[in-house]
Amino acid sequence: MQQPNQRGFRSPQGSSPLAIRTKKYQLDKEMYTSIALKQVWRKDWWYALIPLVLFLLPAIFSFSWWWVAAAVVITILFILVRSAQVLGVTQVDQGNPLFERLTYEIDQKQILMKRNEREGAALPWDMVKSATPKDDAFMLWLKEPGREQLPGGFKGWLARTFQVPVFIHLPYRIFNSPNDIKLMESMLRRKNLLA
């Protein structure tokens, strides 16, 4: 066995010794859907006006309650389908990693999301679009996939237009000390992620 000062010694791969380590935490599916739905409808509320206006246009030229009823029904259907799209993230297998019980190790290079000591995933900081400190948590909003990662044509347009927000929710209570919270906030400032 080689000693640390001998040539050829390699330090074990993994997180930095200066990393912020958290307690285990699992994001609740209901919390995710409420936050994601608020985010979607805060940003995309005007999409609901498109079917309403399109189906009310014929009523301007030839008024009929059928046109008004159709406009309202189709608008409600659009709202339900868009909301179901957000709710679907909690049901599909690809969304499962968001809702697993994980510990986080956060350093200058990446965020390690660990299921246990052997299993986990690394999230580089360049995948984080922005961070928002709330009253009780940090919200790390992830970037949407680029054009090259999405299909082409109509499917690609649909995927770009109706994306579902993905985020990491880090409540303050999972940090081991108030110093870790301050360190996390200063790290987010250095990365220019705080709004």
N, C-alpha and C. Protein backbone atom coordinates (compact mmCIF):
# COMPACT_ATOMS: atom_id res chain seq x y z
N MET A 1 0.83 -1.19 0.00
CA MET A 1 0.00 0.00 0.00
C MET A 1 0.87 1.24 0.00
N GLN A 2 0.54 2.22 -0.85
CA GLN A 2 1.34 3.42 -0.95
C GLN A 2 0.92 4.44 0.10
N GLN A 3 1.88 5.17 0.56
CA GLN A 3 1.63 6.25 1.51
C GLN A 3 1.26 7.51 0.73
N PRO A 4 0.54 8.46 1.37
CA PRO A 4 0.10 9.66 0.66
C PRO A 4 1.21 10.49 0.04
N ASN A 5 2.42 10.46 0.60
CA ASN A 5 3.48 11.31 0.05
C ASN A 5 4.30 10.61 -1.02
N GLN A 6 3.97 9.37 -1.36
CA GLN A 6 4.70 8.67 -2.39
C GLN A 6 4.12 8.98 -3.76
N ARG A 7 4.97 8.85 -4.75
CA ARG A 7 4.56 9.12 -6.11
C ARG A 7 3.52 8.10 -6.57
N GLY A 8 2.58 8.55 -7.36
CA GLY A 8 1.58 7.65 -7.90
C GLY A 8 0.34 7.54 -7.02
N PHE A 9 0.29 8.23 -5.91
CA PHE A 9 -0.88 8.17 -5.04
C PHE A 9 -2.02 8.96 -5.67
N ARG A 10 -3.17 8.39 -5.70
CA ARG A 10 -4.35 9.08 -6.22
C ARG A 10 -5.37 9.23 -5.11
N SER A 11 -5.89 10.40 -5.01
CA SER A 11 -6.95 10.59 -4.02
C SER A 11 -8.23 9.99 -4.58
N PRO A 12 -9.10 9.50 -3.72
CA PRO A 12 -10.34 8.89 -4.21
C PRO A 12 -11.21 9.91 -4.92
N GLN A 13 -11.87 9.44 -6.00
CA GLN A 13 -12.77 10.31 -6.74
C GLN A 13 -14.04 10.52 -5.94
N GLY A 14 -14.62 11.67 -6.07
CA GLY A 14 -15.85 11.97 -5.35
C GLY A 14 -15.95 13.44 -5.06
N SER A 15 -16.69 13.78 -4.06
CA SER A 15 -16.89 15.18 -3.75
C SER A 15 -15.70 15.73 -2.99
N SER A 16 -15.60 17.03 -2.98
CA SER A 16 -14.54 17.73 -2.29
C SER A 16 -14.73 17.60 -0.78
N PRO A 17 -13.61 17.63 -0.02
CA PRO A 17 -13.78 17.61 1.44
C PRO A 17 -14.45 18.88 1.97
N LEU A 18 -14.47 19.92 1.16
CA LEU A 18 -15.12 21.17 1.55
C LEU A 18 -16.57 21.24 1.10
N ALA A 19 -17.11 20.12 0.67
CA ALA A 19 -18.48 20.08 0.15
C ALA A 19 -19.49 20.24 1.29
N ILE A 20 -20.63 20.81 0.93
CA ILE A 20 -21.75 20.91 1.86
C ILE A 20 -22.51 19.60 1.78
N ARG A 21 -22.66 18.94 2.90
CA ARG A 21 -23.38 17.66 2.94
C ARG A 21 -24.71 17.87 3.66
N THR A 22 -25.76 17.29 3.11
CA THR A 22 -27.09 17.48 3.70
C THR A 22 -27.60 16.17 4.27
N LYS A 23 -28.69 16.28 5.00
CA LYS A 23 -29.39 15.10 5.48
C LYS A 23 -30.22 14.54 4.33
N LYS A 24 -30.75 13.33 4.50
CA LYS A 24 -31.60 12.74 3.46
C LYS A 24 -32.89 13.52 3.34
N TYR A 25 -33.34 13.67 2.08
CA TYR A 25 -34.56 14.43 1.83
C TYR A 25 -35.26 13.85 0.61
N GLN A 26 -36.58 13.83 0.68
CA GLN A 26 -37.39 13.36 -0.44
C GLN A 26 -38.42 14.43 -0.77
N LEU A 27 -38.42 14.87 -2.02
CA LEU A 27 -39.39 15.87 -2.47
C LEU A 27 -40.76 15.21 -2.60
N ASP A 28 -41.74 15.82 -1.97
CA ASP A 28 -43.11 15.32 -2.01
C ASP A 28 -43.71 15.61 -3.39
N LYS A 29 -44.43 14.66 -3.96
CA LYS A 29 -45.01 14.83 -5.29
C LYS A 29 -46.06 15.94 -5.31
N GLU A 30 -46.83 16.07 -4.24
CA GLU A 30 -47.83 17.13 -4.19
C GLU A 30 -47.19 18.51 -4.13
N MET A 31 -46.07 18.62 -3.39
CA MET A 31 -45.36 19.89 -3.34
C MET A 31 -44.81 20.24 -4.71
N TYR A 32 -44.24 19.23 -5.40
CA TYR A 32 -43.71 19.47 -6.74
C TYR A 32 -44.80 19.98 -7.67
N THR A 33 -45.95 19.29 -7.68
CA THR A 33 -47.00 19.69 -8.61
C THR A 33 -47.53 21.09 -8.31
N SER A 34 -47.66 21.44 -7.03
CA SER A 34 -48.17 22.78 -6.72
C SER A 34 -47.17 23.85 -7.15
N ILE A 35 -45.88 23.64 -6.90
CA ILE A 35 -44.87 24.62 -7.31
C ILE A 35 -44.76 24.69 -8.83
N ALA A 36 -44.75 23.52 -9.49
CA ALA A 36 -44.61 23.49 -10.95
C ALA A 36 -45.82 24.11 -11.63
N LEU A 37 -47.03 23.81 -11.14
CA LEU A 37 -48.23 24.40 -11.75
C LEU A 37 -48.24 25.92 -11.58
N LYS A 38 -47.85 26.41 -10.43
CA LYS A 38 -47.77 27.87 -10.24
C LYS A 38 -46.79 28.48 -11.22
N GLN A 39 -45.64 27.83 -11.38
CA GLN A 39 -44.61 28.35 -12.29
C GLN A 39 -45.11 28.34 -13.74
N VAL A 40 -45.76 27.24 -14.15
CA VAL A 40 -46.24 27.12 -15.53
C VAL A 40 -47.30 28.18 -15.81
N TRP A 41 -48.29 28.31 -14.93
CA TRP A 41 -49.38 29.25 -15.21
C TRP A 41 -48.99 30.69 -14.98
N ARG A 42 -47.95 30.95 -14.18
CA ARG A 42 -47.44 32.32 -14.06
C ARG A 42 -46.77 32.76 -15.36
N LYS A 43 -46.10 31.80 -16.01
CA LYS A 43 -45.38 32.12 -17.24
C LYS A 43 -46.25 31.98 -18.49
N ASP A 44 -47.12 30.97 -18.54
CA ASP A 44 -47.84 30.63 -19.77
C ASP A 44 -49.34 30.89 -19.70
N TRP A 45 -49.79 31.78 -18.85
CA TRP A 45 -51.23 32.02 -18.70
C TRP A 45 -51.87 32.47 -20.00
N TRP A 46 -51.12 33.20 -20.80
CA TRP A 46 -51.69 33.76 -22.02
C TRP A 46 -51.96 32.69 -23.08
N TYR A 47 -51.34 31.50 -22.97
CA TYR A 47 -51.65 30.42 -23.90
C TYR A 47 -53.11 30.01 -23.81
N ALA A 48 -53.70 30.15 -22.65
CA ALA A 48 -55.11 29.78 -22.48
C ALA A 48 -56.03 30.75 -23.22
N LEU A 49 -55.53 31.95 -23.50
CA LEU A 49 -56.35 32.93 -24.23
C LEU A 49 -56.46 32.60 -25.72
N ILE A 50 -55.51 31.86 -26.26
CA ILE A 50 -55.50 31.59 -27.70
C ILE A 50 -56.74 30.81 -28.13
N PRO A 51 -57.08 29.65 -27.53
CA PRO A 51 -58.30 28.97 -27.97
C PRO A 51 -59.55 29.77 -27.67
N LEU A 52 -59.53 30.53 -26.58
CA LEU A 52 -60.70 31.34 -26.24
C LEU A 52 -60.96 32.38 -27.32
N VAL A 53 -59.91 33.09 -27.72
CA VAL A 53 -60.07 34.13 -28.75
C VAL A 53 -60.41 33.52 -30.10
N LEU A 54 -59.74 32.42 -30.46
CA LEU A 54 -59.99 31.80 -31.77
C LEU A 54 -61.44 31.35 -31.92
N PHE A 55 -62.01 30.80 -30.86
CA PHE A 55 -63.37 30.30 -30.97
C PHE A 55 -64.41 31.38 -30.69
N LEU A 56 -63.99 32.52 -30.17
CA LEU A 56 -64.93 33.63 -30.01
C LEU A 56 -64.99 34.53 -31.25
N LEU A 57 -63.99 34.43 -32.13
CA LEU A 57 -63.99 35.24 -33.35
C LEU A 57 -65.24 35.03 -34.20
N PRO A 58 -65.68 33.80 -34.47
CA PRO A 58 -66.91 33.64 -35.26
C PRO A 58 -68.14 34.24 -34.58
N ALA A 59 -68.11 34.31 -33.24
CA ALA A 59 -69.25 34.89 -32.52
C ALA A 59 -69.35 36.38 -32.74
N ILE A 60 -68.27 37.03 -33.12
CA ILE A 60 -68.30 38.46 -33.40
C ILE A 60 -69.11 38.73 -34.67
N PHE A 61 -68.91 37.89 -35.69
CA PHE A 61 -69.59 38.09 -36.97
C PHE A 61 -71.01 37.54 -36.98
N SER A 62 -71.20 36.42 -36.34
CA SER A 62 -72.52 35.81 -36.29
C SER A 62 -72.70 35.24 -34.89
N PHE A 63 -73.26 36.06 -34.01
CA PHE A 63 -73.34 35.67 -32.60
C PHE A 63 -74.21 34.44 -32.40
N SER A 64 -73.63 33.51 -31.63
CA SER A 64 -74.36 32.31 -31.23
C SER A 64 -73.76 31.85 -29.91
N TRP A 65 -74.64 31.41 -29.01
CA TRP A 65 -74.15 30.91 -27.73
C TRP A 65 -73.34 29.64 -27.92
N TRP A 66 -73.53 28.96 -29.05
CA TRP A 66 -72.73 27.76 -29.30
C TRP A 66 -71.25 28.09 -29.45
N TRP A 67 -70.95 29.22 -30.12
CA TRP A 67 -69.56 29.63 -30.26
C TRP A 67 -68.95 29.98 -28.90
N VAL A 68 -69.71 30.65 -28.08
CA VAL A 68 -69.22 31.04 -26.75
C VAL A 68 -68.99 29.78 -25.90
N ALA A 69 -69.96 28.86 -25.93
CA ALA A 69 -69.83 27.63 -25.16
C ALA A 69 -68.63 26.81 -25.65
N ALA A 70 -68.47 26.72 -26.97
CA ALA A 70 -67.34 25.97 -27.53
C ALA A 70 -66.01 26.61 -27.12
N ALA A 71 -65.94 27.94 -27.15
CA ALA A 71 -64.71 28.63 -26.75
C ALA A 71 -64.37 28.35 -25.29
N VAL A 72 -65.36 28.39 -24.42
CA VAL A 72 -65.12 28.14 -22.99
C VAL A 72 -64.73 26.69 -22.75
N VAL A 73 -65.42 25.75 -23.39
CA VAL A 73 -65.13 24.32 -23.20
C VAL A 73 -63.73 23.99 -23.70
N ILE A 74 -63.36 24.48 -24.87
CA ILE A 74 -62.04 24.18 -25.42
C ILE A 74 -60.94 24.83 -24.59
N THR A 75 -61.18 26.02 -24.06
CA THR A 75 -60.20 26.67 -23.19
C THR A 75 -60.02 25.86 -21.90
N ILE A 76 -61.11 25.39 -21.33
CA ILE A 76 -61.02 24.56 -20.12
C ILE A 76 -60.28 23.25 -20.42
N LEU A 77 -60.55 22.65 -21.58
CA LEU A 77 -59.84 21.43 -21.97
C LEU A 77 -58.34 21.69 -22.13
N PHE A 78 -57.98 22.82 -22.71
CA PHE A 78 -56.57 23.17 -22.86
C PHE A 78 -55.91 23.30 -21.49
N ILE A 79 -56.58 23.98 -20.56
CA ILE A 79 -56.03 24.16 -19.21
C ILE A 79 -55.85 22.80 -18.53
N LEU A 80 -56.82 21.92 -18.69
CA LEU A 80 -56.72 20.59 -18.08
C LEU A 80 -55.59 19.75 -18.69
N VAL A 81 -55.42 19.82 -20.01
CA VAL A 81 -54.37 19.05 -20.67
C VAL A 81 -53.00 19.57 -20.26
N ARG A 82 -52.85 20.90 -20.22
CA ARG A 82 -51.55 21.49 -19.82
C ARG A 82 -51.23 21.15 -18.36
N SER A 83 -52.23 21.18 -17.50
CA SER A 83 -52.01 20.81 -16.10
C SER A 83 -51.72 19.33 -15.95
N ALA A 84 -52.37 18.49 -16.75
CA ALA A 84 -52.11 17.06 -16.72
C ALA A 84 -50.69 16.75 -17.18
N GLN A 85 -50.17 17.56 -18.09
CA GLN A 85 -48.80 17.38 -18.53
C GLN A 85 -47.83 17.58 -17.36
N VAL A 86 -48.09 18.58 -16.53
CA VAL A 86 -47.25 18.82 -15.35
C VAL A 86 -47.43 17.69 -14.34
N LEU A 87 -48.67 17.26 -14.13
CA LEU A 87 -48.94 16.17 -13.19
C LEU A 87 -48.33 14.85 -13.67
N GLY A 88 -48.18 14.69 -14.97
CA GLY A 88 -47.64 13.46 -15.53
C GLY A 88 -46.19 13.21 -15.15
N VAL A 89 -45.44 14.28 -14.83
CA VAL A 89 -44.04 14.11 -14.43
C VAL A 89 -43.95 13.23 -13.18
N THR A 90 -44.93 13.32 -12.30
CA THR A 90 -44.90 12.52 -11.07
C THR A 90 -45.26 11.06 -11.33
N GLN A 91 -45.80 10.75 -12.51
CA GLN A 91 -46.28 9.40 -12.79
C GLN A 91 -45.34 8.58 -13.68
N VAL A 92 -44.52 9.23 -14.49
CA VAL A 92 -43.67 8.49 -15.43
C VAL A 92 -42.37 8.07 -14.77
N ASP A 93 -41.74 7.01 -15.31
CA ASP A 93 -40.50 6.49 -14.73
C ASP A 93 -39.35 7.48 -14.83
N GLN A 94 -39.33 8.31 -15.88
CA GLN A 94 -38.25 9.28 -16.04
C GLN A 94 -38.26 10.33 -14.93
N GLY A 95 -39.41 10.56 -14.30
CA GLY A 95 -39.52 11.54 -13.24
C GLY A 95 -39.20 11.00 -11.86
N ASN A 96 -39.03 9.68 -11.74
CA ASN A 96 -38.78 9.07 -10.43
C ASN A 96 -37.55 9.61 -9.70
N PRO A 97 -36.43 9.89 -10.38
CA PRO A 97 -35.27 10.41 -9.63
C PRO A 97 -35.56 11.72 -8.89
N LEU A 98 -36.53 12.48 -9.35
CA LEU A 98 -36.87 13.71 -8.65
C LEU A 98 -37.47 13.46 -7.28
N PHE A 99 -38.09 12.30 -7.10
CA PHE A 99 -38.86 12.04 -5.89
C PHE A 99 -38.27 10.94 -5.02
N GLU A 100 -36.99 10.62 -5.22
CA GLU A 100 -36.34 9.62 -4.39
C GLU A 100 -35.75 10.29 -3.15
N ARG A 101 -35.50 9.49 -2.14
CA ARG A 101 -34.89 9.97 -0.90
C ARG A 101 -33.38 10.07 -1.14
N LEU A 102 -32.85 11.29 -1.15
CA LEU A 102 -31.46 11.54 -1.53
C LEU A 102 -30.74 12.39 -0.49
N THR A 103 -29.42 12.24 -0.46
CA THR A 103 -28.57 13.21 0.24
C THR A 103 -27.85 13.99 -0.84
N TYR A 104 -27.51 15.23 -0.53
CA TYR A 104 -26.83 16.10 -1.49
C TYR A 104 -25.45 16.47 -0.97
N GLU A 105 -24.47 16.43 -1.85
CA GLU A 105 -23.13 16.93 -1.56
C GLU A 105 -22.84 18.00 -2.59
N ILE A 106 -22.71 19.23 -2.13
CA ILE A 106 -22.61 20.38 -3.02
C ILE A 106 -21.23 20.98 -2.88
N ASP A 107 -20.52 21.09 -3.99
CA ASP A 107 -19.22 21.75 -3.98
C ASP A 107 -19.13 22.72 -5.16
N GLN A 108 -17.95 23.24 -5.44
CA GLN A 108 -17.78 24.25 -6.48
C GLN A 108 -18.00 23.69 -7.89
N LYS A 109 -17.82 22.39 -8.08
CA LYS A 109 -17.93 21.80 -9.41
C LYS A 109 -19.30 21.25 -9.74
N GLN A 110 -19.98 20.68 -8.73
CA GLN A 110 -21.19 19.93 -9.04
C GLN A 110 -22.06 19.76 -7.81
N ILE A 111 -23.23 19.22 -8.06
CA ILE A 111 -24.14 18.81 -7.00
C ILE A 111 -24.27 17.29 -7.13
N LEU A 112 -23.80 16.58 -6.13
CA LEU A 112 -23.92 15.12 -6.13
C LEU A 112 -25.22 14.76 -5.42
N MET A 113 -26.06 14.01 -6.11
CA MET A 113 -27.31 13.54 -5.53
C MET A 113 -27.14 12.05 -5.29
N LYS A 114 -27.05 11.66 -4.02
CA LYS A 114 -26.70 10.28 -3.69
C LYS A 114 -27.88 9.54 -3.08
N ARG A 115 -28.18 8.40 -3.66
CA ARG A 115 -29.20 7.51 -3.12
C ARG A 115 -28.63 6.76 -1.92
N ASN A 116 -27.39 6.31 -2.05
CA ASN A 116 -26.64 5.68 -0.96
C ASN A 116 -25.17 5.93 -1.26
N GLU A 117 -24.26 5.26 -0.57
CA GLU A 117 -22.83 5.53 -0.75
C GLU A 117 -22.32 5.15 -2.14
N ARG A 118 -22.98 4.20 -2.81
CA ARG A 118 -22.50 3.73 -4.11
C ARG A 118 -23.28 4.27 -5.28
N GLU A 119 -24.54 4.64 -5.07
CA GLU A 119 -25.40 5.06 -6.18
C GLU A 119 -25.72 6.54 -6.08
N GLY A 120 -25.70 7.19 -7.23
CA GLY A 120 -26.05 8.60 -7.26
C GLY A 120 -25.81 9.19 -8.63
N ALA A 121 -26.01 10.48 -8.72
CA ALA A 121 -25.82 11.18 -9.99
C ALA A 121 -25.19 12.54 -9.71
N ALA A 122 -24.39 12.99 -10.66
CA ALA A 122 -23.74 14.29 -10.54
C ALA A 122 -24.44 15.28 -11.46
N LEU A 123 -24.72 16.46 -10.93
CA LEU A 123 -25.35 17.52 -11.69
C LEU A 123 -24.37 18.70 -11.75
N PRO A 124 -23.75 18.95 -12.91
CA PRO A 124 -22.82 20.07 -12.99
C PRO A 124 -23.56 21.41 -12.86
N TRP A 125 -22.85 22.42 -12.38
CA TRP A 125 -23.47 23.72 -12.14
C TRP A 125 -23.97 24.37 -13.42
N ASP A 126 -23.39 24.02 -14.58
CA ASP A 126 -23.85 24.66 -15.81
C ASP A 126 -25.24 24.19 -16.25
N MET A 127 -25.80 23.18 -15.57
CA MET A 127 -27.17 22.75 -15.87
C MET A 127 -28.20 23.51 -15.04
N VAL A 128 -27.73 24.32 -14.09
CA VAL A 128 -28.64 25.11 -13.24
C VAL A 128 -28.83 26.47 -13.89
N LYS A 129 -30.09 26.82 -14.15
CA LYS A 129 -30.40 28.10 -14.79
C LYS A 129 -30.40 29.24 -13.78
N SER A 130 -31.07 29.04 -12.65
CA SER A 130 -31.14 30.09 -11.64
C SER A 130 -31.49 29.46 -10.30
N ALA A 131 -31.34 30.26 -9.26
CA ALA A 131 -31.66 29.82 -7.90
C ALA A 131 -32.50 30.90 -7.24
N THR A 132 -33.44 30.45 -6.43
CA THR A 132 -34.32 31.37 -5.72
C THR A 132 -34.34 30.98 -4.25
N PRO A 133 -33.89 31.88 -3.37
CA PRO A 133 -34.03 31.57 -1.95
C PRO A 133 -35.45 31.90 -1.49
N LYS A 134 -36.11 30.94 -0.88
CA LYS A 134 -37.46 31.15 -0.34
C LYS A 134 -37.34 31.31 1.17
N ASP A 135 -38.48 31.41 1.85
CA ASP A 135 -38.48 31.54 3.30
C ASP A 135 -37.92 30.31 4.00
N ASP A 136 -38.10 29.14 3.38
CA ASP A 136 -37.68 27.91 4.05
C ASP A 136 -36.83 26.99 3.18
N ALA A 137 -36.43 27.43 1.96
CA ALA A 137 -35.71 26.52 1.07
C ALA A 137 -35.00 27.30 -0.05
N PHE A 138 -34.03 26.63 -0.65
CA PHE A 138 -33.43 27.08 -1.90
C PHE A 138 -34.11 26.33 -3.04
N MET A 139 -34.47 27.04 -4.09
CA MET A 139 -35.03 26.42 -5.29
C MET A 139 -33.98 26.57 -6.40
N LEU A 140 -33.49 25.45 -6.92
CA LEU A 140 -32.54 25.46 -8.03
C LEU A 140 -33.28 25.04 -9.28
N TRP A 141 -33.49 25.99 -10.20
CA TRP A 141 -34.23 25.73 -11.44
C TRP A 141 -33.25 25.25 -12.49
N LEU A 142 -33.53 24.10 -13.10
CA LEU A 142 -32.64 23.53 -14.10
C LEU A 142 -32.97 24.07 -15.48
N LYS A 143 -31.95 24.09 -16.34
CA LYS A 143 -32.12 24.57 -17.70
C LYS A 143 -32.95 23.59 -18.52
N GLU A 144 -33.69 24.15 -19.48
CA GLU A 144 -34.43 23.31 -20.41
C GLU A 144 -33.46 22.70 -21.40
N PRO A 145 -33.81 21.56 -21.99
CA PRO A 145 -32.93 20.97 -23.00
C PRO A 145 -32.82 21.88 -24.23
N GLY A 146 -31.65 21.84 -24.87
CA GLY A 146 -31.42 22.65 -26.05
C GLY A 146 -32.09 22.07 -27.28
N ARG A 147 -32.04 22.83 -28.38
CA ARG A 147 -32.66 22.39 -29.63
C ARG A 147 -32.09 21.06 -30.13
N GLU A 148 -30.77 20.89 -29.94
CA GLU A 148 -30.14 19.66 -30.43
C GLU A 148 -30.57 18.42 -29.65
N GLN A 149 -31.09 18.60 -28.44
CA GLN A 149 -31.53 17.47 -27.63
C GLN A 149 -33.00 17.12 -27.86
N LEU A 150 -33.72 17.99 -28.56
CA LEU A 150 -35.15 17.76 -28.79
C LEU A 150 -35.38 17.27 -30.21
N PRO A 151 -36.49 16.59 -30.46
CA PRO A 151 -36.78 16.14 -31.83
C PRO A 151 -37.05 17.34 -32.74
N GLY A 152 -36.98 17.10 -34.03
CA GLY A 152 -37.22 18.15 -35.00
C GLY A 152 -38.70 18.28 -35.35
N GLY A 153 -39.01 19.29 -36.14
CA GLY A 153 -40.36 19.48 -36.66
C GLY A 153 -41.37 19.88 -35.61
N PHE A 154 -42.61 19.42 -35.83
CA PHE A 154 -43.72 19.80 -34.96
C PHE A 154 -43.52 19.29 -33.53
N LYS A 155 -42.99 18.05 -33.40
CA LYS A 155 -42.76 17.50 -32.07
C LYS A 155 -41.76 18.34 -31.30
N GLY A 156 -40.72 18.82 -31.97
CA GLY A 156 -39.72 19.67 -31.32
C GLY A 156 -40.31 21.00 -30.89
N TRP A 157 -41.13 21.59 -31.76
CA TRP A 157 -41.79 22.85 -31.40
C TRP A 157 -42.70 22.66 -30.20
N LEU A 158 -43.46 21.57 -30.22
CA LEU A 158 -44.36 21.27 -29.10
C LEU A 158 -43.59 21.07 -27.80
N ALA A 159 -42.46 20.34 -27.88
CA ALA A 159 -41.64 20.10 -26.69
C ALA A 159 -41.02 21.39 -26.16
N ARG A 160 -40.60 22.29 -27.06
CA ARG A 160 -40.01 23.56 -26.62
C ARG A 160 -41.07 24.49 -26.04
N THR A 161 -42.25 24.50 -26.62
CA THR A 161 -43.29 25.43 -26.21
C THR A 161 -43.92 25.03 -24.89
N PHE A 162 -44.15 23.76 -24.69
CA PHE A 162 -44.87 23.29 -23.49
C PHE A 162 -43.97 22.47 -22.59
N GLN A 163 -42.86 23.07 -22.17
CA GLN A 163 -41.95 22.37 -21.27
C GLN A 163 -42.45 22.43 -19.84
N VAL A 164 -42.08 21.42 -19.07
CA VAL A 164 -42.44 21.35 -17.66
C VAL A 164 -41.21 21.76 -16.85
N PRO A 165 -41.36 22.67 -15.89
CA PRO A 165 -40.19 23.09 -15.11
C PRO A 165 -39.67 21.96 -14.23
N VAL A 166 -38.35 21.87 -14.16
CA VAL A 166 -37.69 20.88 -13.31
C VAL A 166 -36.81 21.66 -12.34
N PHE A 167 -36.88 21.29 -11.08
CA PHE A 167 -36.12 22.02 -10.07
C PHE A 167 -35.68 21.08 -8.96
N ILE A 168 -34.70 21.57 -8.19
CA ILE A 168 -34.26 20.87 -6.99
C ILE A 168 -34.68 21.74 -5.82
N HIS A 169 -35.38 21.15 -4.88
CA HIS A 169 -35.88 21.85 -3.70
C HIS A 169 -35.00 21.45 -2.52
N LEU A 170 -34.29 22.43 -1.95
CA LEU A 170 -33.40 22.15 -0.82
C LEU A 170 -33.88 22.93 0.40
N PRO A 171 -34.69 22.32 1.25
CA PRO A 171 -35.15 23.03 2.45
C PRO A 171 -33.98 23.31 3.39
N TYR A 172 -34.07 24.40 4.12
CA TYR A 172 -33.01 24.77 5.06
C TYR A 172 -32.83 23.71 6.14
N ARG A 173 -33.89 22.99 6.47
CA ARG A 173 -33.82 22.02 7.57
C ARG A 173 -32.93 20.81 7.24
N ILE A 174 -32.61 20.58 5.97
CA ILE A 174 -31.75 19.43 5.65
C ILE A 174 -30.27 19.79 5.77
N PHE A 175 -29.94 21.07 5.90
CA PHE A 175 -28.55 21.46 6.09
C PHE A 175 -28.16 21.19 7.53
N ASN A 176 -26.90 20.82 7.74
CA ASN A 176 -26.45 20.41 9.07
C ASN A 176 -26.20 21.59 10.02
N SER A 177 -25.99 22.78 9.49
CA SER A 177 -25.75 23.93 10.37
C SER A 177 -26.13 25.21 9.62
N PRO A 178 -26.34 26.30 10.36
CA PRO A 178 -26.62 27.59 9.69
C PRO A 178 -25.45 28.05 8.83
N ASN A 179 -24.22 27.63 9.17
CA ASN A 179 -23.06 27.99 8.35
C ASN A 179 -23.15 27.36 6.96
N ASP A 180 -23.70 26.15 6.89
CA ASP A 180 -23.87 25.50 5.59
C ASP A 180 -24.85 26.28 4.72
N ILE A 181 -25.89 26.83 5.31
CA ILE A 181 -26.86 27.64 4.56
C ILE A 181 -26.19 28.89 4.02
N LYS A 182 -25.38 29.55 4.87
CA LYS A 182 -24.66 30.75 4.42
C LYS A 182 -23.66 30.41 3.33
N LEU A 183 -22.97 29.28 3.48
CA LEU A 183 -22.01 28.85 2.47
C LEU A 183 -22.71 28.55 1.15
N MET A 184 -23.88 27.92 1.22
CA MET A 184 -24.66 27.63 0.01
C MET A 184 -25.07 28.93 -0.67
N GLU A 185 -25.53 29.90 0.10
CA GLU A 185 -25.94 31.18 -0.48
C GLU A 185 -24.77 31.90 -1.12
N SER A 186 -23.60 31.89 -0.46
CA SER A 186 -22.43 32.55 -1.06
C SER A 186 -21.98 31.81 -2.32
N MET A 187 -22.10 30.48 -2.34
CA MET A 187 -21.76 29.71 -3.53
C MET A 187 -22.68 30.08 -4.70
N LEU A 188 -23.98 30.23 -4.42
CA LEU A 188 -24.93 30.61 -5.47
C LEU A 188 -24.64 32.02 -5.97
N ARG A 189 -24.22 32.92 -5.08
CA ARG A 189 -23.85 34.29 -5.52
C ARG A 189 -22.62 34.26 -6.42
N ARG A 190 -21.61 33.47 -6.05
CA ARG A 190 -20.40 33.38 -6.87
C ARG A 190 -20.70 32.80 -8.25
N LYS A 191 -21.67 31.90 -8.32
CA LYS A 191 -22.05 31.31 -9.60
C LYS A 191 -23.03 32.19 -10.38
N ASN A 192 -23.41 33.35 -9.84
CA ASN A 192 -24.35 34.29 -10.45
C ASN A 192 -25.70 33.62 -10.74
N LEU A 193 -26.18 32.83 -9.81
CA LEU A 193 -27.45 32.12 -10.00
C LEU A 193 -28.59 32.76 -9.24
N LEU A 194 -28.30 33.56 -8.22
CA LEU A 194 -29.36 34.18 -7.46
C LEU A 194 -30.00 35.28 -8.27
N ALA A 195 -31.31 35.33 -8.25
CA ALA A 195 -32.04 36.36 -9.01
C ALA A 195 -31.89 37.71 -8.34
